[in-house]
Amino acid sequence: MKPVVALVGRPNVGKSTLFNRLIGERLAIVDDTPGTTRDRLAAEAEWNGRPFFVVDTGGIDPTHGGKAPLSIGSAEFIQEIRRQALMAVEEADVILFLVDGSEGVTDPDREVANLLRRMQKKVGDIFRPPIFLVVNKCETEERRQTAFQFYELGLGEPYAISALHGINTGDLLDDLVASFPPALPEEEEDTSVKIAIVGKPNAGKSSLLNRLVGEERVIVSPIPGTTRDAIDTYIEYNGVPITLIDTAGIRRRGRIEPGVERYSVLRAFKAIERADVVLLVIDAVAGLSAQDAHIAGFVLDAWKSVIVLVNKWDALQKDAHTMSQYTAQIRQELNFMDYVPILFISAKTGQRVDQILPLALRVQEERLVRLTTSQVNQILQKAQDEYPAPARAGRALKIYYGTQVRTDPPTFLLYVNDPKLAHFSYRRYLENCFRQEYSFLGTPIRFVLKGRREK
């Protein structure tokens, strides 16, 4: 598993700006208004060949529900600091504690520093997780000189940087990567099929896991958000080893509470990354929501295979057309995943639950299918003969040659005259042509286009 780096600090010290700087793109919303980051963002970054996760957290807010500010010593504020700092220490391999160099040392900075320091554990001769004190907004030499006042926080040498302009961030990253825990020795390869169960809170994920394994392996509760960890359960189905990963529910953007739930969502993302096949659980009673499509987008971004499970089907009043109407709605809302199988189930009664694992194993098999180069080029030639790529600015896409370069997911390298001429709609057309020859059920297909000069 890649190391996890958590950005911690009070509001408006520049955590989201540093997050964007580290990952190299603007995923986090940046605003001068304290508390702009309402949900947790996690993304992958890399430095000196070491990939790692960066987690942007919401600031520790010294106000209570928009009412009058709480005093720094108040129980509510201390509890809020403790909750977020504790989860950062528990979940992260390294912590970047951000402070504002333009404001100097504040009481909230002292509170956070004290809590972080107390929660570190000594492992051998070092403390884990290491904490880097990052003094942000040091654009001028004068600011960088005054950053030494932050020594009083007792967290070692402060790193005076400007996340906005990238000043001194390279030195910070060098030391950050060097502090990562050593890579674990290669263990015996886990050949089990890894199936992650994801979805909104209270969709019935834990109940489904219990039904699949046939016993109460995890706590089942009607209270949304009960599952905080990604829980692995090992089973064997028809001689095939399977790892079932139950995750915390993923809430709609803007509804993720700071602290515990922020990091439970991170665990869900990490579970998706580990999975071969993802079971996206939808609440049939609540209906398909924008958040369900949002979660599906996360799964697609990770190039994972998917099965959509419409749970609580027993609780719905139905007629002869309900299932077809529901299917049409899902196909419309998840139109970017029209290759995904849909199963209507009830974790409570066991309805169609026995079909899940056979279907998941079939999807996994199709994820590992490899087409011969001859098959690939026959499909490409037929596709271009039936529907040549439309011209753009007087030029049309020409595909000279193609080959499958990997499985898991199926990835095809296409040599073309100019990759820029490949419109999104034509890529979809090519994907449909491949699926007519081989369905790749529930599995995304990846095309990589490489330019080649025309003779």
Protein backbone atom coordinates (compact mmCIF):
# COMPACT_ATOMS: atom_id res chain seq x y z
CA MET A 1 0.00 0.00 0.00
CA LYS A 2 1.29 3.45 -0.88
CA PRO A 3 2.20 5.75 2.05
CA VAL A 4 -0.49 8.20 3.15
CA VAL A 5 0.39 11.86 3.79
CA ALA A 6 -2.23 13.88 5.69
CA LEU A 7 -2.43 17.67 5.62
CA VAL A 8 -3.55 18.95 9.03
CA GLY A 9 -4.08 22.46 10.37
CA ARG A 10 -6.58 25.17 11.20
CA PRO A 11 -8.69 26.77 8.46
CA ASN A 12 -7.20 28.99 5.74
CA VAL A 13 -3.53 28.14 6.21
CA GLY A 14 -3.25 26.84 2.64
CA LYS A 15 -3.83 23.09 2.91
CA SER A 16 -5.82 22.87 -0.31
CA THR A 17 -3.24 24.97 -2.16
CA LEU A 18 -0.44 22.66 -1.00
CA PHE A 19 -2.58 19.63 -1.90
CA ASN A 20 -2.91 20.94 -5.46
CA ARG A 21 0.81 21.68 -5.59
CA LEU A 22 1.74 18.15 -4.49
CA ILE A 23 -0.53 16.31 -6.90
CA GLY A 24 0.08 18.70 -9.77
CA GLU A 25 -3.51 19.62 -10.54
CA ARG A 26 -6.37 21.67 -9.14
CA LEU A 27 -8.63 19.06 -7.58
CA ALA A 28 -9.26 20.90 -4.33
CA ILE A 29 -11.32 24.09 -4.29
CA VAL A 30 -9.16 27.01 -3.18
CA ASP A 31 -10.80 30.05 -1.63
CA ASP A 32 -9.77 32.74 0.84
CA THR A 33 -12.82 32.01 2.97
CA PRO A 34 -11.91 29.80 5.94
CA GLY A 35 -13.52 26.37 5.79
CA THR A 36 -13.88 26.18 2.00
CA THR A 37 -12.83 22.52 1.97
CA ARG A 38 -16.05 20.80 2.93
CA ASP A 39 -15.12 17.28 1.89
CA ARG A 40 -12.01 15.21 2.07
CA LEU A 41 -9.95 14.90 -1.08
CA ALA A 42 -7.48 12.12 -1.68
CA ALA A 43 -5.23 11.82 -4.70
CA GLU A 44 -2.01 10.14 -5.71
CA ALA A 45 1.26 12.03 -5.99
CA GLU A 46 4.81 11.02 -6.82
CA TRP A 47 8.26 12.39 -6.00
CA ASN A 48 11.65 10.88 -6.77
CA GLY A 49 9.93 7.75 -8.04
CA ARG A 50 7.96 7.20 -4.80
CA PRO A 51 4.17 7.24 -5.22
CA PHE A 52 2.04 8.20 -2.23
CA PHE A 53 -1.46 9.35 -1.32
CA VAL A 54 -2.10 12.94 -0.27
CA VAL A 55 -5.14 13.64 1.89
CA ASP A 56 -6.52 17.15 2.15
CA THR A 57 -8.64 17.65 5.26
CA GLY A 58 -11.05 20.33 6.28
CA GLY A 59 -9.62 22.86 8.68
CA ILE A 60 -10.16 22.51 12.41
CA ASP A 61 -12.85 25.16 12.81
CA PRO A 62 -12.96 27.17 16.09
CA THR A 63 -16.63 28.06 15.52
CA HIS A 64 -19.66 26.02 16.31
CA GLY A 65 -22.33 25.82 13.62
CA GLY A 66 -21.73 29.38 12.47
CA LYS A 67 -22.45 30.77 15.94
CA ALA A 68 -20.12 32.77 18.10
CA PRO A 69 -16.51 31.54 18.11
CA LEU A 70 -15.64 29.10 20.82
CA SER A 71 -12.83 29.95 23.16
CA ILE A 72 -9.61 28.10 22.41
CA GLY A 73 -9.80 26.32 25.73
CA SER A 74 -13.43 25.28 25.32
CA ALA A 75 -14.27 21.59 25.47
CA GLU A 76 -15.97 21.64 22.05
CA PHE A 77 -12.97 23.08 20.26
CA ILE A 78 -10.47 20.82 22.00
CA GLN A 79 -12.63 17.81 21.14
CA GLU A 80 -12.78 18.85 17.49
CA ILE A 81 -8.99 19.26 17.37
CA ARG A 82 -8.47 15.94 19.12
CA ARG A 83 -10.81 14.05 16.80
CA GLN A 84 -9.23 15.24 13.59
CA ALA A 85 -5.64 15.03 14.85
CA LEU A 86 -6.23 11.54 16.25
CA MET A 87 -7.58 10.24 12.95
CA ALA A 88 -4.69 11.82 11.08
CA VAL A 89 -2.20 10.06 13.33
CA GLU A 90 -4.04 6.74 13.05
CA GLU A 91 -4.45 6.80 9.27
CA ALA A 92 -1.38 8.61 7.98
CA ASP A 93 2.20 7.48 7.54
CA VAL A 94 3.38 11.11 7.56
CA ILE A 95 1.67 14.32 8.74
CA LEU A 96 2.22 17.77 7.26
CA PHE A 97 1.11 20.24 9.93
CA LEU A 98 0.47 23.57 8.21
CA VAL A 99 0.61 26.96 9.87
CA ASP A 100 0.34 30.49 8.45
CA GLY A 101 3.63 32.39 8.28
CA SER A 102 1.82 35.69 7.74
CA GLU A 103 0.02 35.46 11.09
CA GLY A 104 2.70 34.01 13.34
CA VAL A 105 2.10 31.44 16.07
CA THR A 106 -1.53 31.31 17.22
CA ASP A 107 -3.26 29.57 20.11
CA PRO A 108 -4.97 27.06 17.79
CA ASP A 109 -1.53 26.18 16.35
CA ARG A 110 -0.27 25.48 19.85
CA GLU A 111 -3.29 23.30 20.66
CA VAL A 112 -2.89 21.21 17.50
CA ALA A 113 0.87 20.89 17.97
CA ASN A 114 0.47 19.69 21.56
CA LEU A 115 -2.10 17.07 20.58
CA LEU A 116 -0.10 15.78 17.63
CA ARG A 117 3.05 15.53 19.70
CA ARG A 118 1.32 13.63 22.50
CA MET A 119 -0.21 11.11 20.13
CA GLN A 120 3.01 10.15 18.40
CA LYS A 121 4.47 6.77 19.32
CA LYS A 122 8.13 5.96 19.50
CA VAL A 123 9.12 3.04 17.28
CA GLY A 124 12.74 2.13 17.85
CA ASP A 125 14.71 5.38 17.75
CA ILE A 126 12.13 7.38 15.77
CA PHE A 127 8.62 8.69 16.28
CA ARG A 128 5.74 7.54 14.09
CA PRO A 129 4.15 9.07 12.23
CA PRO A 130 6.74 11.79 11.57
CA ILE A 131 5.33 15.32 11.71
CA PHE A 132 6.61 18.03 9.39
CA LEU A 133 5.96 21.58 10.54
CA VAL A 134 5.20 23.53 7.36
CA VAL A 135 5.08 27.32 7.57
CA ASN A 136 3.11 28.38 4.52
CA LYS A 137 2.68 31.77 2.81
CA CYS A 138 6.38 32.59 3.11
CA GLU A 139 6.67 34.35 -0.25
CA THR A 140 9.20 36.94 0.92
CA GLU A 141 12.63 36.62 2.50
CA GLU A 142 11.36 38.50 5.54
CA ARG A 143 8.59 35.91 6.05
CA ARG A 144 11.06 33.07 5.68
CA GLN A 145 13.29 34.61 8.36
CA THR A 146 10.41 35.05 10.82
CA ALA A 147 9.35 31.41 10.32
CA PHE A 148 11.87 30.44 13.00
CA GLN A 149 9.42 31.68 15.66
CA PHE A 150 7.50 28.43 15.07
CA TYR A 151 10.27 26.50 16.82
CA GLU A 152 8.30 27.15 19.99
CA LEU A 153 5.75 24.54 18.87
CA GLY A 154 8.30 21.84 19.66
CA LEU A 155 7.97 20.00 16.34
CA GLY A 156 11.48 20.50 15.05
CA GLU A 157 12.73 22.71 12.25
CA PRO A 158 9.99 24.56 10.39
CA TYR A 159 9.86 24.34 6.59
CA ALA A 160 9.22 27.85 5.26
CA ILE A 161 7.42 27.46 1.94
CA SER A 162 4.94 29.09 -0.40
CA ALA A 163 2.48 26.49 -1.65
CA LEU A 164 1.05 29.06 -4.07
CA HIS A 165 4.38 29.80 -5.77
CA GLY A 166 6.15 26.50 -5.10
CA ILE A 167 8.97 28.11 -3.07
CA ASN A 168 11.00 25.47 -1.15
CA THR A 169 8.41 22.74 -1.77
CA GLY A 170 11.07 20.60 -3.46
CA ASP A 171 13.18 20.48 -0.28
CA LEU A 172 10.08 19.59 1.71
CA LEU A 173 9.23 16.75 -0.68
CA ASP A 174 12.79 15.38 -0.58
CA ASP A 175 12.65 15.04 3.19
CA LEU A 176 9.03 13.87 3.11
CA VAL A 177 9.77 10.94 0.79
CA ALA A 178 12.91 10.05 2.78
CA SER A 179 10.76 9.71 5.92
CA PHE A 180 8.43 7.08 4.48
CA PRO A 181 8.43 3.72 6.25
CA PRO A 182 10.68 1.20 4.51
CA ALA A 183 8.94 -0.96 1.95
CA LEU A 184 7.78 -4.24 3.41
CA PRO A 185 9.55 -7.37 2.18
CA GLU A 186 7.78 -9.20 -0.60
CA GLU A 187 5.23 -11.53 0.91
CA GLU A 188 3.75 -14.55 -0.74
CA GLU A 189 1.49 -13.25 -3.48
CA ASP A 190 -2.16 -13.04 -2.52
CA THR A 191 -3.94 -14.72 -5.41
CA SER A 192 -7.45 -14.26 -4.02
CA VAL A 193 -10.01 -12.31 -6.02
CA LYS A 194 -10.55 -9.04 -4.17
CA ILE A 195 -14.12 -7.76 -4.14
CA ALA A 196 -14.87 -4.38 -2.53
CA ILE A 197 -18.39 -3.48 -1.37
CA VAL A 198 -18.93 0.28 -1.69
CA GLY A 199 -21.83 2.70 -1.65
CA LYS A 200 -23.58 5.40 0.32
CA PRO A 201 -24.09 4.99 4.07
CA ASN A 202 -26.98 2.72 5.08
CA ALA A 203 -27.31 1.08 1.65
CA GLY A 204 -26.93 -2.35 3.27
CA LYS A 205 -23.27 -3.14 2.60
CA SER A 206 -22.55 -4.83 5.93
CA SER A 207 -25.79 -6.84 5.75
CA LEU A 208 -24.76 -8.00 2.29
CA LEU A 209 -21.34 -9.07 3.55
CA ASN A 210 -22.93 -11.08 6.35
CA ARG A 211 -25.28 -12.75 3.87
CA LEU A 212 -22.39 -13.60 1.53
CA VAL A 213 -20.23 -15.16 4.21
CA GLY A 214 -23.16 -16.80 6.01
CA GLU A 215 -22.35 -15.49 9.45
CA GLU A 216 -22.14 -12.30 11.46
CA ARG A 217 -18.60 -11.25 10.61
CA VAL A 218 -19.28 -7.49 10.97
CA ILE A 219 -21.68 -5.36 12.99
CA VAL A 220 -24.90 -4.55 11.14
CA SER A 221 -26.64 -1.35 12.18
CA PRO A 222 -29.35 0.87 10.65
CA ILE A 223 -27.34 3.94 11.72
CA PRO A 224 -25.56 5.45 8.71
CA GLY A 225 -21.78 5.38 8.98
CA THR A 226 -21.44 2.47 11.42
CA THR A 227 -18.59 0.87 9.48
CA ARG A 228 -15.45 2.96 9.97
CA ASP A 229 -12.80 0.58 8.69
CA ALA A 230 -12.29 -1.31 5.47
CA ILE A 231 -12.78 -4.85 6.79
CA ASP A 232 -11.31 -7.84 4.95
CA THR A 233 -13.13 -11.16 5.11
CA TYR A 234 -11.57 -14.23 3.50
CA ILE A 235 -13.84 -16.92 2.06
CA GLU A 236 -13.61 -19.67 -0.51
CA TYR A 237 -16.24 -20.13 -3.20
CA ASN A 238 -16.18 -23.27 -5.35
CA GLY A 239 -12.46 -23.61 -4.67
CA VAL A 240 -11.71 -19.96 -5.54
CA PRO A 241 -10.21 -17.84 -2.73
CA ILE A 242 -11.99 -14.49 -2.35
CA THR A 243 -11.28 -11.44 -0.20
CA LEU A 244 -14.41 -9.40 0.55
CA ILE A 245 -13.68 -5.80 1.53
CA ASP A 246 -16.48 -4.00 3.36
CA THR A 247 -16.06 -0.23 3.50
CA ALA A 248 -17.52 2.78 5.20
CA GLY A 249 -20.30 4.52 3.29
CA ILE A 250 -19.35 7.39 1.01
CA ARG A 251 -21.46 10.46 1.67
CA ARG A 252 -22.53 13.12 -0.78
CA ARG A 253 -19.97 15.91 -1.32
CA GLY A 254 -20.35 18.50 1.41
CA ARG A 255 -21.91 16.01 3.84
CA ILE A 256 -18.73 14.38 5.11
CA GLU A 257 -18.17 15.23 8.74
CA PRO A 258 -14.65 16.24 9.80
CA GLY A 259 -12.46 13.74 11.60
CA VAL A 260 -13.60 10.14 11.75
CA GLU A 261 -15.84 10.12 8.69
CA ARG A 262 -13.36 11.99 6.51
CA TYR A 263 -10.82 9.26 7.03
CA SER A 264 -13.37 6.45 6.71
CA VAL A 265 -13.97 7.72 3.17
CA LEU A 266 -10.22 7.55 2.54
CA ARG A 267 -10.35 3.91 3.59
CA ALA A 268 -13.09 3.32 1.03
CA PHE A 269 -10.97 4.86 -1.72
CA LYS A 270 -8.03 2.70 -0.67
CA ALA A 271 -10.31 -0.34 -0.75
CA ILE A 272 -11.37 0.50 -4.30
CA GLU A 273 -7.72 0.72 -5.30
CA ARG A 274 -7.04 -2.73 -3.83
CA ALA A 275 -10.05 -4.37 -5.46
CA ASP A 276 -10.36 -6.35 -8.67
CA VAL A 277 -14.15 -6.11 -8.77
CA VAL A 278 -16.28 -3.47 -7.04
CA LEU A 279 -19.85 -4.09 -5.91
CA LEU A 280 -21.66 -0.73 -6.01
CA VAL A 281 -24.63 -1.06 -3.64
CA ILE A 282 -27.63 1.18 -4.33
CA ASP A 283 -30.60 1.61 -1.98
CA ALA A 284 -33.69 0.64 -4.03
CA VAL A 285 -36.03 2.55 -1.69
CA ALA A 286 -34.03 5.79 -1.81
CA GLY A 287 -33.45 5.40 -5.55
CA LEU A 288 -30.42 6.17 -7.66
CA SER A 289 -28.88 9.48 -6.62
CA ALA A 290 -26.25 11.83 -7.96
CA GLN A 291 -23.94 10.50 -5.25
CA ASP A 292 -24.31 6.95 -6.56
CA ALA A 293 -23.12 8.20 -9.95
CA HIS A 294 -20.36 10.11 -8.17
CA ILE A 295 -19.14 6.92 -6.48
CA ALA A 296 -19.32 5.10 -9.81
CA GLY A 297 -17.08 7.81 -11.21
CA PHE A 298 -14.49 7.13 -8.50
CA VAL A 299 -14.54 3.44 -9.40
CA LEU A 300 -14.17 4.24 -13.10
CA ASP A 301 -11.27 6.60 -12.41
CA ALA A 302 -9.50 3.66 -10.76
CA TRP A 303 -10.23 1.47 -13.84
CA LYS A 304 -11.95 -1.18 -11.75
CA SER A 305 -14.60 -3.67 -12.86
CA VAL A 306 -18.08 -3.04 -11.47
CA ILE A 307 -21.36 -4.76 -10.67
CA VAL A 308 -24.32 -2.59 -9.65
CA LEU A 309 -26.39 -4.17 -6.86
CA VAL A 310 -29.82 -2.64 -6.24
CA ASN A 311 -30.40 -3.65 -2.62
CA LYS A 312 -33.60 -3.70 -0.51
CA TRP A 313 -35.57 -4.87 -3.56
CA ASP A 314 -37.94 -6.67 -1.19
CA ALA A 315 -38.99 -3.36 0.39
CA LEU A 316 -40.21 -1.88 -2.89
CA GLN A 317 -43.75 -2.13 -4.20
CA LYS A 318 -43.38 -3.55 -7.70
CA ASP A 319 -45.31 -4.44 -10.80
CA ALA A 320 -44.30 -6.21 -14.01
CA HIS A 321 -42.52 -3.11 -15.31
CA THR A 322 -40.65 -1.93 -12.19
CA MET A 323 -37.42 -3.79 -12.84
CA SER A 324 -37.18 -2.71 -16.49
CA GLN A 325 -37.95 0.90 -15.56
CA TYR A 326 -35.35 0.85 -12.79
CA THR A 327 -32.81 -0.66 -15.16
CA ALA A 328 -33.49 2.05 -17.76
CA GLN A 329 -33.01 4.75 -15.12
CA ILE A 330 -29.68 3.30 -13.99
CA ARG A 331 -28.51 2.96 -17.60
CA GLN A 332 -29.39 6.59 -18.19
CA GLU A 333 -27.73 7.93 -15.03
CA LEU A 334 -24.66 5.69 -15.42
CA ASN A 335 -24.40 6.13 -19.19
CA PHE A 336 -20.61 6.15 -18.89
CA MET A 337 -20.86 2.57 -17.60
CA ASP A 338 -23.27 0.90 -20.01
CA TYR A 339 -21.19 -2.30 -19.84
CA VAL A 340 -21.96 -2.84 -16.14
CA PRO A 341 -24.29 -5.73 -15.11
CA ILE A 342 -27.16 -4.87 -12.78
CA LEU A 343 -28.54 -7.25 -10.16
CA PHE A 344 -31.65 -6.62 -8.02
CA ILE A 345 -31.14 -8.16 -4.59
CA SER A 346 -32.19 -8.19 -0.98
CA ALA A 347 -29.45 -8.70 1.59
CA LYS A 348 -32.19 -9.07 4.19
CA THR A 349 -34.07 -11.97 2.55
CA GLY A 350 -31.23 -13.35 0.45
CA GLN A 351 -33.02 -12.70 -2.84
CA ARG A 352 -30.54 -13.25 -5.74
CA VAL A 353 -27.57 -12.94 -3.36
CA ASP A 354 -26.45 -16.39 -4.54
CA GLN A 355 -25.89 -14.88 -8.01
CA ILE A 356 -23.40 -12.22 -6.85
CA LEU A 357 -20.22 -14.23 -6.41
CA PRO A 358 -20.59 -16.26 -9.65
CA LEU A 359 -21.18 -13.00 -11.52
CA ALA A 360 -18.21 -11.31 -9.81
CA LEU A 361 -15.91 -14.19 -10.74
CA ARG A 362 -17.12 -14.05 -14.34
CA VAL A 363 -16.42 -10.30 -14.43
CA GLN A 364 -12.94 -10.95 -13.03
CA GLU A 365 -12.28 -13.53 -15.73
CA GLU A 366 -13.27 -11.08 -18.44
CA ARG A 367 -11.02 -8.47 -16.87
CA LEU A 368 -8.07 -10.77 -17.55
CA VAL A 369 -8.96 -11.66 -21.16
CA ARG A 370 -6.23 -11.01 -23.74
CA LEU A 371 -7.05 -10.69 -27.44
CA THR A 372 -4.46 -11.66 -30.03
CA THR A 373 -2.93 -8.94 -32.17
CA SER A 374 -4.69 -10.44 -35.17
CA GLN A 375 -8.08 -10.18 -33.41
CA VAL A 376 -7.39 -6.58 -32.40
CA ASN A 377 -6.54 -5.47 -35.92
CA GLN A 378 -9.50 -7.31 -37.44
CA ILE A 379 -11.79 -5.39 -35.08
CA LEU A 380 -10.09 -2.09 -35.91
CA GLN A 381 -10.23 -2.67 -39.65
CA LYS A 382 -13.90 -3.65 -39.56
CA ALA A 383 -14.71 -0.60 -37.41
CA GLN A 384 -13.02 1.81 -39.83
CA ASP A 385 -14.58 0.16 -42.87
CA GLU A 386 -18.09 0.48 -41.42
CA TYR A 387 -17.65 3.98 -40.02
CA PRO A 388 -14.48 5.96 -40.83
CA ALA A 389 -13.50 8.64 -38.35
CA PRO A 390 -15.00 12.02 -39.31
CA ALA A 391 -12.57 14.67 -40.50
CA ARG A 392 -11.59 17.54 -38.20
CA ALA A 393 -10.10 20.66 -39.79
CA GLY A 394 -9.70 18.74 -43.01
CA ARG A 395 -7.92 15.77 -41.40
CA ALA A 396 -9.30 12.41 -40.33
CA LEU A 397 -8.01 9.96 -37.75
CA LYS A 398 -6.23 6.98 -39.26
CA ILE A 399 -5.50 3.87 -37.22
CA TYR A 400 -2.55 1.96 -38.63
CA TYR A 401 -2.11 -0.83 -36.12
CA GLY A 402 -3.24 -1.97 -32.69
CA THR A 403 -2.26 -4.46 -30.03
CA GLN A 404 -3.33 -5.34 -26.48
CA VAL A 405 -0.48 -4.39 -24.17
CA ARG A 406 -1.95 -5.50 -20.85
CA THR A 407 -4.91 -6.91 -18.98
CA ASP A 408 -6.35 -5.82 -15.64
CA PRO A 409 -7.85 -3.68 -17.13
CA PRO A 410 -7.73 -4.55 -20.85
CA THR A 411 -5.50 -1.90 -22.43
CA PHE A 412 -5.00 -1.45 -26.16
CA LEU A 413 -2.22 0.55 -27.79
CA LEU A 414 -3.27 2.09 -31.10
CA TYR A 415 -0.79 3.61 -33.54
CA VAL A 416 -2.48 6.53 -35.30
CA ASN A 417 -1.55 9.50 -37.48
CA ASP A 418 -2.49 12.08 -34.80
CA PRO A 419 -3.99 11.26 -31.37
CA LYS A 420 -5.59 14.73 -31.23
CA LEU A 421 -7.95 13.71 -34.05
CA ALA A 422 -9.53 10.98 -31.90
CA HIS A 423 -12.80 12.51 -30.75
CA PHE A 424 -14.40 11.15 -27.58
CA SER A 425 -17.40 9.86 -29.53
CA TYR A 426 -15.15 7.87 -31.88
CA ARG A 427 -13.35 6.32 -28.91
CA ARG A 428 -16.75 5.21 -27.61
CA TYR A 429 -17.56 3.80 -31.05
CA LEU A 430 -14.32 1.80 -31.03
CA GLU A 431 -15.07 0.53 -27.53
CA ASN A 432 -18.52 -0.64 -28.67
CA CYS A 433 -16.92 -2.44 -31.63
CA PHE A 434 -14.56 -4.29 -29.28
CA ARG A 435 -17.44 -5.22 -26.97
CA GLN A 436 -19.42 -6.64 -29.90
CA GLU A 437 -16.59 -9.13 -30.42
CA TYR A 438 -15.90 -9.69 -26.72
CA SER A 439 -18.10 -8.17 -24.03
CA PHE A 440 -15.52 -7.52 -21.27
CA LEU A 441 -18.53 -7.65 -18.94
CA GLY A 442 -18.42 -5.03 -16.19
CA THR A 443 -14.89 -4.02 -17.14
CA PRO A 444 -13.61 -0.71 -18.54
CA ILE A 445 -11.54 -0.78 -21.72
CA ARG A 446 -8.55 1.53 -21.98
CA PHE A 447 -7.21 2.93 -25.26
CA VAL A 448 -3.75 4.50 -25.49
CA LEU A 449 -3.12 6.34 -28.77
CA LYS A 450 0.39 6.88 -30.04
CA GLY A 451 1.16 9.17 -32.96
CA ARG A 452 3.08 7.96 -35.99
CA ARG A 453 4.07 9.95 -39.02
CA GLU A 454 2.28 9.20 -42.27
CA LYS A 455 4.43 7.90 -45.07
